[in-house]
Each structure stands twice: as structure tokens, then as C-alpha cells.
């Protein structure tokens, strides 16, 4: 009976140790070649349209650059509100290449008091940059 308890205790510790090791391996990412990995950079980090009239549609172009040494893949572009649309000009970006991220904001899409006053919208860009897989940029406006 005592041998059985020892056996299952050691087996349990072994399984726990392997699980912890696997977890830390998974979150650490690729260790070799990290300096060669793709790296996303979006400029500027935000844009302020200033004061704009309700019902107006405005656009701004952010620059997306791959500052890494391998091809950067854009996996997904999303926004915080249906009133904002974001489109990237190219989904596979070569090293040192810069592409455009066109953001269109329709101030008339939000009715009522929520669509007026100071507004903030977030654009989410998911990519193959394993160090920074999701980058956010913001647009601001004061809708009157």
C-alpha cells in the first residue's frame, strides 16, 4: 500500500513538472533567431482629427513598417466600433517595407449623445510579430 502511494506521488510530481516546463516553453517563444524575427511598427501611435461636424466621414493613413528581418504577416485588422473601418494595403510585409493602414471614421454612424463630443476609437492589428503580436493605434475626434 505504501509503495503504491509513493509511486503515484512521484508520478504526479513528474507530470506536474512536465506541465510547468511545457508552459514556460510555450510562453517564451522562439529563442533562436529572435533577432531575425518580423517586427511591427506603426506610426504615429494616434491621430487626432480635432473638431469635426457630426455626419462627416474622415480618413487617416497610418504607416505600418516591418523593422525585422523576416516577412511580417498581418493576421487581422479590427476596430473598436462599427463606425470605424481599417484596411491595410498589403498583408505580407517584407523587411524594411512600409505599407499603409487606411482608417475611415464615419461620425454619423453613432446616433444620439454617444456619437457626439469627445470620441476615441481603437484599431487593433494582429501580426506574426511574436514579441508584440497585437498593436493598437487610436484616433480621436471632438464631434459637434
C-alpha atoms as a PDB file:
ATOM      1  CA  UNK A   1       0.000   0.000   0.000  1.00  0.00           C
ATOM      2  CA  UNK A   2       2.800   2.383   0.962  1.00  0.00           C
ATOM      3  CA  UNK A   3       4.645   1.601  -2.277  1.00  0.00           C
ATOM      4  CA  UNK A   4       1.521   2.490  -4.260  1.00  0.00           C
ATOM      5  CA  UNK A   5       1.277   5.910  -2.553  1.00  0.00           C
ATOM      6  CA  UNK A   6       4.950   6.627  -3.299  1.00  0.00           C
ATOM      7  CA  UNK A   7       4.540   5.552  -6.905  1.00  0.00           C
ATOM      8  CA  UNK A   8       1.522   7.805  -7.545  1.00  0.00           C
ATOM      9  CA  UNK A   9       3.115  10.725  -5.675  1.00  0.00           C
ATOM     10  CA  UNK A  10       6.255  10.558  -7.810  1.00  0.00           C
ATOM     11  CA  UNK A  11       4.191  10.078 -10.970  1.00  0.00           C
ATOM     12  CA  UNK A  12       2.066  13.125 -10.077  1.00  0.00           C
ATOM     13  CA  UNK A  13       5.145  15.277  -9.439  1.00  0.00           C
ATOM     14  CA  UNK A  14       6.667  14.150 -12.719  1.00  0.00           C
ATOM     15  CA  UNK A  15       3.512  15.054 -14.652  1.00  0.00           C
ATOM     16  CA  UNK A  16       3.273  18.420 -12.875  1.00  0.00           C
ATOM     17  CA  UNK A  17       6.931  19.154 -13.644  1.00  0.00           C
ATOM     18  CA  UNK A  18       6.443  18.350 -17.328  1.00  0.00           C
ATOM     19  CA  UNK A  19       3.355  20.575 -17.479  1.00  0.00           C
ATOM     20  CA  UNK A  20       5.190  23.529 -15.899  1.00  0.00           C
ATOM     21  CA  UNK A  21       8.160  23.029 -18.245  1.00  0.00           C
ATOM     22  CA  UNK A  22       5.841  22.895 -21.282  1.00  0.00           C
ATOM     23  CA  UNK A  23       4.021  26.036 -20.181  1.00  0.00           C
ATOM     24  CA  UNK A  24       7.221  28.066 -19.863  1.00  0.00           C
ATOM     25  CA  UNK A  25       8.490  26.758 -23.201  1.00  0.00           C
ATOM     26  CA  UNK A  26       5.238  27.853 -24.863  1.00  0.00           C
ATOM     27  CA  UNK A  27       5.225  31.394 -23.466  1.00  0.00           C
ATOM     28  CA  UNK A  28       8.905  32.075 -24.068  1.00  0.00           C
ATOM     29  CA  UNK A  29       8.530  31.925 -27.878  1.00  0.00           C
ATOM     30  CA  UNK A  30      11.311  31.009 -30.257  1.00  0.00           C
ATOM     31  CA  UNK A  31      14.654  31.509 -28.573  1.00  0.00           C
ATOM     32  CA  UNK A  32      16.875  31.025 -31.583  1.00  0.00           C
ATOM     33  CA  UNK A  33      16.508  33.609 -34.315  1.00  0.00           C
ATOM     34  CA  UNK A  34      14.598  36.170 -32.250  1.00  0.00           C
ATOM     35  CA  UNK A  35      16.834  38.874 -33.682  1.00  0.00           C
ATOM     36  CA  UNK A  36      15.741  37.805 -37.189  1.00  0.00           C
ATOM     37  CA  UNK A  37      12.013  37.679 -36.426  1.00  0.00           C
ATOM     38  CA  UNK A  38       9.499  40.068 -38.012  1.00  0.00           C
ATOM     39  CA  UNK A  39       8.790  43.222 -36.010  1.00  0.00           C
ATOM     40  CA  UNK A  40       5.807  45.522 -36.467  1.00  0.00           C
ATOM     41  CA  UNK A  41       5.984  49.278 -36.057  1.00  0.00           C
ATOM     42  CA  UNK A  42       3.014  51.594 -36.654  1.00  0.00           C
ATOM     43  CA  UNK A  43       3.381  55.372 -36.801  1.00  0.00           C
ATOM     44  CA  UNK A  44       2.049  57.519 -35.415  1.00  0.00           C
ATOM     45  CA  UNK A  45       0.576  55.810 -32.348  1.00  0.00           C
ATOM     46  CA  UNK A  46      -2.516  58.028 -32.548  1.00  0.00           C
ATOM     47  CA  UNK A  47      -4.135  60.722 -34.684  1.00  0.00           C
ATOM     48  CA  UNK A  48      -6.467  63.497 -33.536  1.00  0.00           C
ATOM     49  CA  UNK A  49      -8.946  64.770 -36.140  1.00  0.00           C
ATOM     50  CA  UNK A  50      -9.730  67.695 -33.870  1.00  0.00           C
ATOM     51  CA  UNK A  51     -13.204  69.186 -34.087  1.00  0.00           C
ATOM     52  CA  UNK A  52     -15.386  67.722 -36.839  1.00  0.00           C
ATOM     53  CA  UNK A  53     -19.028  68.010 -37.753  1.00  0.00           C
ATOM     54  CA  UNK A  54     -21.471  65.185 -36.988  1.00  0.00           C
ATOM     55  CA  UNK A  55     -22.230  63.136 -40.116  1.00  0.00           C
ATOM     56  CA  UNK A  56     -18.855  63.747 -41.724  1.00  0.00           C
ATOM     57  CA  UNK A  57     -16.660  60.848 -42.890  1.00  0.00           C
ATOM     58  CA  UNK A  58     -12.942  61.359 -42.302  1.00  0.00           C
ATOM     59  CA  UNK A  59      -9.849  59.309 -43.157  1.00  0.00           C
ATOM     60  CA  UNK A  60      -6.289  58.995 -41.967  1.00  0.00           C
ATOM     61  CA  UNK A  61      -3.389  56.844 -43.155  1.00  0.00           C
ATOM     62  CA  UNK A  62      -1.088  55.234 -40.586  1.00  0.00           C
ATOM     63  CA  UNK A  63       2.250  53.786 -41.707  1.00  0.00           C
ATOM     64  CA  UNK A  64       2.971  50.121 -40.895  1.00  0.00           C
ATOM     65  CA  UNK A  65       6.598  49.042 -41.173  1.00  0.00           C
ATOM     66  CA  UNK A  66       8.381  45.725 -40.725  1.00  0.00           C
ATOM     67  CA  UNK A  67      11.593  46.580 -38.874  1.00  0.00           C
ATOM     68  CA  UNK A  68      12.512  42.890 -38.506  1.00  0.00           C
ATOM     69  CA  UNK A  69      14.466  40.614 -40.817  1.00  0.00           C
ATOM     70  CA  UNK A  70      11.731  38.159 -41.871  1.00  0.00           C
ATOM     71  CA  UNK A  71       8.389  38.673 -43.629  1.00  0.00           C
ATOM     72  CA  UNK A  72       5.733  40.155 -41.328  1.00  0.00           C
ATOM     73  CA  UNK A  73       2.284  38.674 -41.796  1.00  0.00           C
ATOM     74  CA  UNK A  74      -0.767  40.751 -40.885  1.00  0.00           C
ATOM     75  CA  UNK A  75      -3.259  38.253 -39.483  1.00  0.00           C
ATOM     76  CA  UNK A  76      -6.170  40.527 -38.593  1.00  0.00           C
ATOM     77  CA  UNK A  77      -7.187  44.178 -38.503  1.00  0.00           C
ATOM     78  CA  UNK A  78     -10.165  45.116 -36.318  1.00  0.00           C
ATOM     79  CA  UNK A  79     -11.689  48.232 -34.763  1.00  0.00           C
ATOM     80  CA  UNK A  80     -13.438  49.060 -31.505  1.00  0.00           C
ATOM     81  CA  UNK A  81     -16.585  50.331 -33.231  1.00  0.00           C
ATOM     82  CA  UNK A  82     -18.554  49.615 -36.407  1.00  0.00           C
ATOM     83  CA  UNK A  83     -18.302  53.343 -37.183  1.00  0.00           C
ATOM     84  CA  UNK A  84     -14.606  52.838 -37.930  1.00  0.00           C
ATOM     85  CA  UNK A  85     -13.149  50.748 -40.754  1.00  0.00           C
ATOM     86  CA  UNK A  86      -9.458  49.928 -41.160  1.00  0.00           C
ATOM     87  CA  UNK A  87      -7.849  48.411 -44.262  1.00  0.00           C
ATOM     88  CA  UNK A  88      -4.205  47.517 -44.724  1.00  0.00           C
ATOM     89  CA  UNK A  89      -2.743  47.835 -48.218  1.00  0.00           C
ATOM     90  CA  UNK A  90      -0.701  44.608 -48.001  1.00  0.00           C
ATOM     91  CA  UNK A  91      -0.845  41.591 -45.663  1.00  0.00           C
ATOM     92  CA  UNK A  92       2.709  40.278 -46.160  1.00  0.00           C
ATOM     93  CA  UNK A  93       5.310  42.939 -45.468  1.00  0.00           C
ATOM     94  CA  UNK A  94       8.958  42.388 -46.373  1.00  0.00           C
ATOM     95  CA  UNK A  95      11.795  43.534 -44.078  1.00  0.00           C
ATOM     96  CA  UNK A  96      12.126  47.362 -44.057  1.00  0.00           C
ATOM     97  CA  UNK A  97       8.982  47.673 -46.184  1.00  0.00           C
ATOM     98  CA  UNK A  98       6.322  50.216 -45.224  1.00  0.00           C
ATOM     99  CA  UNK A  99       2.632  49.913 -46.133  1.00  0.00           C
ATOM    100  CA  UNK A 100      -0.485  51.969 -45.463  1.00  0.00           C
ATOM    101  CA  UNK A 101      -3.226  51.368 -42.918  1.00  0.00           C
ATOM    102  CA  UNK A 102      -6.237  53.402 -44.069  1.00  0.00           C
ATOM    103  CA  UNK A 103      -8.662  54.256 -41.263  1.00  0.00           C
ATOM    104  CA  UNK A 104     -12.110  55.626 -42.121  1.00  0.00           C
ATOM    105  CA  UNK A 105     -14.288  57.082 -39.355  1.00  0.00           C
ATOM    106  CA  UNK A 106     -17.988  57.787 -40.019  1.00  0.00           C
ATOM    107  CA  UNK A 107     -19.156  60.244 -37.374  1.00  0.00           C
ATOM    108  CA  UNK A 108     -22.794  59.750 -38.388  1.00  0.00           C
ATOM    109  CA  UNK A 109     -22.785  56.007 -37.670  1.00  0.00           C
ATOM    110  CA  UNK A 110     -23.343  56.573 -33.932  1.00  0.00           C
ATOM    111  CA  UNK A 111     -26.678  58.264 -33.242  1.00  0.00           C
ATOM    112  CA  UNK A 112     -27.710  60.078 -30.104  1.00  0.00           C
ATOM    113  CA  UNK A 113     -25.465  61.578 -27.447  1.00  0.00           C
ATOM    114  CA  UNK A 114     -22.953  58.702 -27.671  1.00  0.00           C
ATOM    115  CA  UNK A 115     -21.940  59.829 -31.155  1.00  0.00           C
ATOM    116  CA  UNK A 116     -21.127  63.406 -30.148  1.00  0.00           C
ATOM    117  CA  UNK A 117     -18.481  65.016 -28.023  1.00  0.00           C
ATOM    118  CA  UNK A 118     -15.023  63.595 -27.424  1.00  0.00           C
ATOM    119  CA  UNK A 119     -14.588  60.279 -29.229  1.00  0.00           C
ATOM    120  CA  UNK A 120     -11.849  57.651 -29.129  1.00  0.00           C
ATOM    121  CA  UNK A 121     -11.641  54.685 -31.482  1.00  0.00           C
ATOM    122  CA  UNK A 122      -9.065  51.896 -31.346  1.00  0.00           C
ATOM    123  CA  UNK A 123      -7.606  49.987 -34.279  1.00  0.00           C
ATOM    124  CA  UNK A 124      -6.175  46.545 -33.456  1.00  0.00           C
ATOM    125  CA  UNK A 125      -3.546  44.987 -35.727  1.00  0.00           C
ATOM    126  CA  UNK A 126      -2.602  41.334 -35.122  1.00  0.00           C
ATOM    127  CA  UNK A 127       0.560  40.082 -36.782  1.00  0.00           C
ATOM    128  CA  UNK A 128       3.269  37.421 -36.795  1.00  0.00           C
ATOM    129  CA  UNK A 129       5.477  39.566 -34.522  1.00  0.00           C
ATOM    130  CA  UNK A 130       5.782  37.066 -31.652  1.00  0.00           C
ATOM    131  CA  UNK A 131       7.105  39.661 -29.194  1.00  0.00           C
ATOM    132  CA  UNK A 132       4.293  42.134 -29.889  1.00  0.00           C
ATOM    133  CA  UNK A 133       1.518  40.144 -31.634  1.00  0.00           C
ATOM    134  CA  UNK A 134      -1.174  42.821 -31.253  1.00  0.00           C
ATOM    135  CA  UNK A 135      -0.566  46.524 -31.711  1.00  0.00           C
ATOM    136  CA  UNK A 136      -3.139  49.246 -31.103  1.00  0.00           C
ATOM    137  CA  UNK A 137      -3.368  52.700 -32.623  1.00  0.00           C
ATOM    138  CA  UNK A 138      -6.030  55.254 -31.774  1.00  0.00           C
ATOM    139  CA  UNK A 139      -7.957  58.041 -33.409  1.00  0.00           C
ATOM    140  CA  UNK A 140      -9.581  60.902 -31.556  1.00  0.00           C
ATOM    141  CA  UNK A 141     -12.201  63.446 -32.549  1.00  0.00           C
ATOM    142  CA  UNK A 142     -14.460  66.011 -30.979  1.00  0.00           C
ATOM    143  CA  UNK A 143     -17.738  65.541 -32.860  1.00  0.00           C
ATOM    144  CA  UNK A 144     -20.104  68.510 -32.752  1.00  0.00           C
END
